[in-house]
PDB file of N, CA and C in Angstrom:
ATOM      1  N   UNK A   1      82.035  89.979  92.651  1.00  0.00           N
ATOM      2  CA  UNK A   1      82.557  91.010  93.946  1.00  0.00           C
ATOM      3  C   UNK A   1      81.440  91.974  93.775  1.00  0.00           C
ATOM      4  N   UNK A   2      80.740  92.403  92.629  1.00  0.00           N
ATOM      5  CA  UNK A   2      80.116  93.807  92.610  1.00  0.00           C
ATOM      6  C   UNK A   2      78.590  92.971  92.050  1.00  0.00           C
ATOM      7  N   UNK A   3      77.581  93.500  92.379  1.00  0.00           N
ATOM      8  CA  UNK A   3      76.347  92.923  92.031  1.00  0.00           C
ATOM      9  C   UNK A   3      76.137  94.004  90.689  1.00  0.00           C
ATOM     10  N   UNK A   4      75.528  93.231  89.767  1.00  0.00           N
ATOM     11  CA  UNK A   4      75.401  93.429  88.622  1.00  0.00           C
ATOM     12  C   UNK A   4      74.225  94.640  88.477  1.00  0.00           C
ATOM     13  N   UNK A   5      73.157  94.687  89.361  1.00  0.00           N
ATOM     14  CA  UNK A   5      72.194  95.668  89.053  1.00  0.00           C
ATOM     15  C   UNK A   5      73.299  97.172  89.804  1.00  0.00           C
ATOM     16  N   UNK A   6      74.032  97.314  90.685  1.00  0.00           N
ATOM     17  CA  UNK A   6      74.772  98.326  90.792  1.00  0.00           C
ATOM     18  C   UNK A   6      75.576  98.926  89.762  1.00  0.00           C
ATOM     19  N   UNK A   7      76.513  97.894  89.110  1.00  0.00           N
ATOM     20  CA  UNK A   7      77.137  98.277  88.139  1.00  0.00           C
ATOM     21  C   UNK A   7      76.665  98.392  86.812  1.00  0.00           C
ATOM     22  N   UNK A   8      75.487  97.651  86.612  1.00  0.00           N
ATOM     23  CA  UNK A   8      74.734  98.118  85.270  1.00  0.00           C
ATOM     24  C   UNK A   8      73.924  99.438  85.456  1.00  0.00           C
ATOM     25  N   UNK A   9      73.633  99.853  86.749  1.00  0.00           N
ATOM     26  CA  UNK A   9      72.872 100.876  86.916  1.00  0.00           C
ATOM     27  C   UNK A   9      73.645 102.519  87.026  1.00  0.00           C
ATOM     28  N   UNK A  10      75.069 102.041  86.574  1.00  0.00           N
ATOM     29  CA  UNK A  10      76.096 103.371  86.524  1.00  0.00           C
ATOM     30  C   UNK A  10      75.880 103.659  85.611  1.00  0.00           C
ATOM     31  N   UNK A  11      76.085 105.275  85.054  1.00  0.00           N
ATOM     32  CA  UNK A  11      76.374 105.444  83.410  1.00  0.00           C
ATOM     33  C   UNK A  11      77.695 105.679  83.189  1.00  0.00           C
ATOM     34  N   UNK A  12      77.949 105.313  81.703  1.00  0.00           N
ATOM     35  CA  UNK A  12      79.118 105.642  81.399  1.00  0.00           C
ATOM     36  C   UNK A  12      79.719 103.970  81.250  1.00  0.00           C
ATOM     37  N   UNK A  13      80.880 104.318  80.274  1.00  0.00           N
ATOM     38  CA  UNK A  13      81.646 103.258  80.001  1.00  0.00           C
ATOM     39  C   UNK A  13      82.386 102.605  81.496  1.00  0.00           C
ATOM     40  N   UNK A  14      83.156 101.472  81.226  1.00  0.00           N
ATOM     41  CA  UNK A  14      83.605 100.613  82.351  1.00  0.00           C
ATOM     42  C   UNK A  14      84.683 101.698  83.277  1.00  0.00           C
ATOM     43  N   UNK A  15      85.381 102.128  82.579  1.00  0.00           N
ATOM     44  CA  UNK A  15      86.332 103.264  83.266  1.00  0.00           C
ATOM     45  C   UNK A  15      85.847 104.446  83.972  1.00  0.00           C
ATOM     46  N   UNK A  16      85.045 104.660  83.642  1.00  0.00           N
ATOM     47  CA  UNK A  16      83.810 106.020  84.515  1.00  0.00           C
ATOM     48  C   UNK A  16      82.931 105.094  85.626  1.00  0.00           C
ATOM     49  N   UNK A  17      82.731 104.167  85.257  1.00  0.00           N
ATOM     50  CA  UNK A  17      81.682 103.231  86.234  1.00  0.00           C
ATOM     51  C   UNK A  17      82.946 102.738  87.374  1.00  0.00           C
ATOM     52  N   UNK A  18      83.893 102.810  86.797  1.00  0.00           N
ATOM     53  CA  UNK A  18      85.247 102.165  87.851  1.00  0.00           C
ATOM     54  C   UNK A  18      85.231 103.653  89.097  1.00  0.00           C
ATOM     55  N   UNK A  19      85.684 104.308  88.368  1.00  0.00           N
ATOM     56  CA  UNK A  19      85.700 106.014  89.016  1.00  0.00           C
ATOM     57  C   UNK A  19      84.705 106.660  89.804  1.00  0.00           C
ATOM     58  N   UNK A  20      83.578 106.008  89.423  1.00  0.00           N
ATOM     59  CA  UNK A  20      82.494 106.509  90.393  1.00  0.00           C
ATOM     60  C   UNK A  20      82.642 106.102  91.501  1.00  0.00           C
ATOM     61  N   UNK A  21      82.791 104.137  91.230  1.00  0.00           N
ATOM     62  CA  UNK A  21      82.799 103.354  92.719  1.00  0.00           C
ATOM     63  C   UNK A  21      83.715 103.883  93.500  1.00  0.00           C
ATOM     64  N   UNK A  22      84.914 104.375  92.698  1.00  0.00           N
ATOM     65  CA  UNK A  22      86.021 104.501  93.723  1.00  0.00           C
ATOM     66  C   UNK A  22      85.827 105.671  94.395  1.00  0.00           C
ATOM     67  N   UNK A  23      85.465 106.702  93.899  1.00  0.00           N
ATOM     68  CA  UNK A  23      84.908 108.206  94.742  1.00  0.00           C
ATOM     69  C   UNK A  23      83.718 107.905  95.766  1.00  0.00           C
ATOM     70  N   UNK A  24      82.731 106.781  95.308  1.00  0.00           N
ATOM     71  CA  UNK A  24      81.683 106.552  96.893  1.00  0.00           C
ATOM     72  C   UNK A  24      82.501 105.589  97.420  1.00  0.00           C
ATOM     73  N   UNK A  25      83.314 104.978  97.391  1.00  0.00           N
ATOM     74  CA  UNK A  25      84.025 104.302  98.424  1.00  0.00           C
ATOM     75  C   UNK A  25      84.728 104.853  99.322  1.00  0.00           C
ATOM     76  N   UNK A  26      85.305 105.830  98.429  1.00  0.00           N
ATOM     77  CA  UNK A  26      86.546 106.656  99.029  1.00  0.00           C
ATOM     78  C   UNK A  26      85.503 107.885 100.417  1.00  0.00           C
ATOM     79  N   UNK A  27      84.158 108.099  99.905  1.00  0.00           N
ATOM     80  CA  UNK A  27      83.299 108.654 100.807  1.00  0.00           C
ATOM     81  C   UNK A  27      82.200 108.215 101.604  1.00  0.00           C
ATOM     82  N   UNK A  28      82.424 107.110 101.386  1.00  0.00           N
ATOM     83  CA  UNK A  28      82.082 105.929 102.531  1.00  0.00           C
ATOM     84  C   UNK A  28      82.995 105.614 103.714  1.00  0.00           C
ATOM     85  N   UNK A  29      84.445 105.959 103.468  1.00  0.00           N
ATOM     86  CA  UNK A  29      85.254 105.494 104.416  1.00  0.00           C
ATOM     87  C   UNK A  29      85.638 106.689 105.401  1.00  0.00           C
ATOM     88  N   UNK A  30      85.417 107.611 104.661  1.00  0.00           N
ATOM     89  CA  UNK A  30      85.961 109.141 105.038  1.00  0.00           C
ATOM     90  C   UNK A  30      84.213 109.202 105.970  1.00  0.00           C
ATOM     91  N   UNK A  31      83.399 109.023 105.441  1.00  0.00           N
ATOM     92  CA  UNK A  31      82.108 109.487 106.692  1.00  0.00           C
ATOM     93  C   UNK A  31      82.366 108.449 107.545  1.00  0.00           C
ATOM     94  N   UNK A  32      82.669 107.400 107.568  1.00  0.00           N
ATOM     95  CA  UNK A  32      82.991 106.202 108.829  1.00  0.00           C
ATOM     96  C   UNK A  32      83.814 106.937 109.706  1.00  0.00           C
ATOM     97  N   UNK A  33      85.231 107.211 109.321  1.00  0.00           N
ATOM     98  CA  UNK A  33      85.892 107.662 110.143  1.00  0.00           C
ATOM     99  C   UNK A  33      85.992 108.782 110.623  1.00  0.00           C
ATOM    100  N   UNK A  34      84.891 109.945 109.915  1.00  0.00           N
ATOM    101  CA  UNK A  34      84.824 111.310 110.442  1.00  0.00           C
ATOM    102  C   UNK A  34      83.532 111.482 111.509  1.00  0.00           C
ATOM    103  N   UNK A  35      82.534 110.601 111.684  1.00  0.00           N
ATOM    104  CA  UNK A  35      81.413 110.921 112.118  1.00  0.00           C
ATOM    105  C   UNK A  35      80.568 109.569 112.872  1.00  0.00           C
ATOM    106  N   UNK A  36      80.998 108.235 112.040  1.00  0.00           N
ATOM    107  CA  UNK A  36      80.274 107.027 112.455  1.00  0.00           C
ATOM    108  C   UNK A  36      81.253 106.678 113.867  1.00  0.00           C
ATOM    109  N   UNK A  37      82.362 106.163 113.668  1.00  0.00           N
ATOM    110  CA  UNK A  37      83.314 105.523 114.684  1.00  0.00           C
ATOM    111  C   UNK A  37      83.713 107.031 115.727  1.00  0.00           C
ATOM    112  N   UNK A  38      84.138 107.945 115.528  1.00  0.00           N
ATOM    113  CA  UNK A  38      83.701 108.857 116.878  1.00  0.00           C
ATOM    114  C   UNK A  38      81.954 108.662 118.034  1.00  0.00           C
ATOM    115  N   UNK A  39      81.568 108.603 116.926  1.00  0.00           N
ATOM    116  CA  UNK A  39      79.875 108.279 117.667  1.00  0.00           C
ATOM    117  C   UNK A  39      79.945 107.134 118.245  1.00  0.00           C
ATOM    118  N   UNK A  40      80.566 106.188 118.180  1.00  0.00           N
ATOM    119  CA  UNK A  40      80.260 104.917 118.404  1.00  0.00           C
ATOM    120  C   UNK A  40      81.402 104.658 119.687  1.00  0.00           C
ATOM    121  N   UNK A  41      82.230 105.450 119.601  1.00  0.00           N
ATOM    122  CA  UNK A  41      83.269 105.464 120.412  1.00  0.00           C
ATOM    123  C   UNK A  41      82.815 105.535 121.418  1.00  0.00           C
ATOM    124  N   UNK A  42      82.084 107.165 121.183  1.00  0.00           N
ATOM    125  CA  UNK A  42      81.435 107.774 122.868  1.00  0.00           C
ATOM    126  C   UNK A  42      80.268 106.785 123.073  1.00  0.00           C
ATOM    127  N   UNK A  43      79.297 106.586 122.315  1.00  0.00           N
ATOM    128  CA  UNK A  43      78.384 105.909 122.589  1.00  0.00           C
ATOM    129  C   UNK A  43      78.539 104.362 123.597  1.00  0.00           C
ATOM    130  N   UNK A  44      79.526 103.903 123.227  1.00  0.00           N
ATOM    131  CA  UNK A  44      80.108 102.506 123.939  1.00  0.00           C
ATOM    132  C   UNK A  44      80.532 102.873 125.195  1.00  0.00           C
ATOM    133  N   UNK A  45      81.297 104.329 125.073  1.00  0.00           N
ATOM    134  CA  UNK A  45      82.240 104.230 126.678  1.00  0.00           C
ATOM    135  C   UNK A  45      83.507 103.647 126.625  1.00  0.00           C
ATOM    136  N   UNK A  46      83.988 103.036 125.360  1.00  0.00           N
ATOM    137  CA  UNK A  46      85.314 102.592 125.362  1.00  0.00           C
ATOM    138  C   UNK A  46      86.393 102.965 126.108  1.00  0.00           C
ATOM    139  N   UNK A  47      86.840 102.251 126.892  1.00  0.00           N
ATOM    140  CA  UNK A  47      88.231 103.129 127.559  1.00  0.00           C
ATOM    141  C   UNK A  47      89.155 102.840 127.036  1.00  0.00           C
ATOM    142  N   UNK A  48      90.355 103.720 127.067  1.00  0.00           N
ATOM    143  CA  UNK A  48      91.489 103.383 126.347  1.00  0.00           C
ATOM    144  C   UNK A  48      92.536 102.784 127.801  1.00  0.00           C
ATOM    145  N   UNK A  49      92.916 101.712 127.394  1.00  0.00           N
ATOM    146  CA  UNK A  49      93.766 101.146 128.203  1.00  0.00           C
ATOM    147  C   UNK A  49      95.526 100.979 127.859  1.00  0.00           C
ATOM    148  N   UNK A  50      95.976 101.315 128.836  1.00  0.00           N
ATOM    149  CA  UNK A  50      97.577 101.105 128.646  1.00  0.00           C
ATOM    150  C   UNK A  50      98.087 100.030 129.621  1.00  0.00           C
ATOM    151  N   UNK A  51      99.137  99.491 128.698  1.00  0.00           N
ATOM    152  CA  UNK A  51      99.946  98.241 129.481  1.00  0.00           C
ATOM    153  C   UNK A  51     101.031  98.878 130.537  1.00  0.00           C
ATOM    154  N   UNK A  52     101.137  98.581 131.671  1.00  0.00           N
ATOM    155  CA  UNK A  52     102.029  99.384 132.542  1.00  0.00           C
ATOM    156  C   UNK A  52     103.062  98.784 132.436  1.00  0.00           C
ATOM    157  N   UNK A  53     104.494  99.643 132.526  1.00  0.00           N
ATOM    158  CA  UNK A  53     105.820  99.229 132.586  1.00  0.00           C
ATOM    159  C   UNK A  53     106.293  99.013 133.970  1.00  0.00           C
ATOM    160  N   UNK A  54     106.418  98.280 133.845  1.00  0.00           N
ATOM    161  CA  UNK A  54     107.304  97.018 135.422  1.00  0.00           C
ATOM    162  C   UNK A  54     108.392  97.560 135.627  1.00  0.00           C
TER     163      UNK A  54
END
């Protein structure tokens, strides 16, 4: 699941390593939703489409 290099390079016992990884993952997800995805949406010109009612 996780590379041994990354896991061994983190400081502390296993619980601290897990908490560090969870914080890093949360920061990456937040950065994606706040900065990357809106920029990609504007760059690609994605149009919002809706289904019309008949």
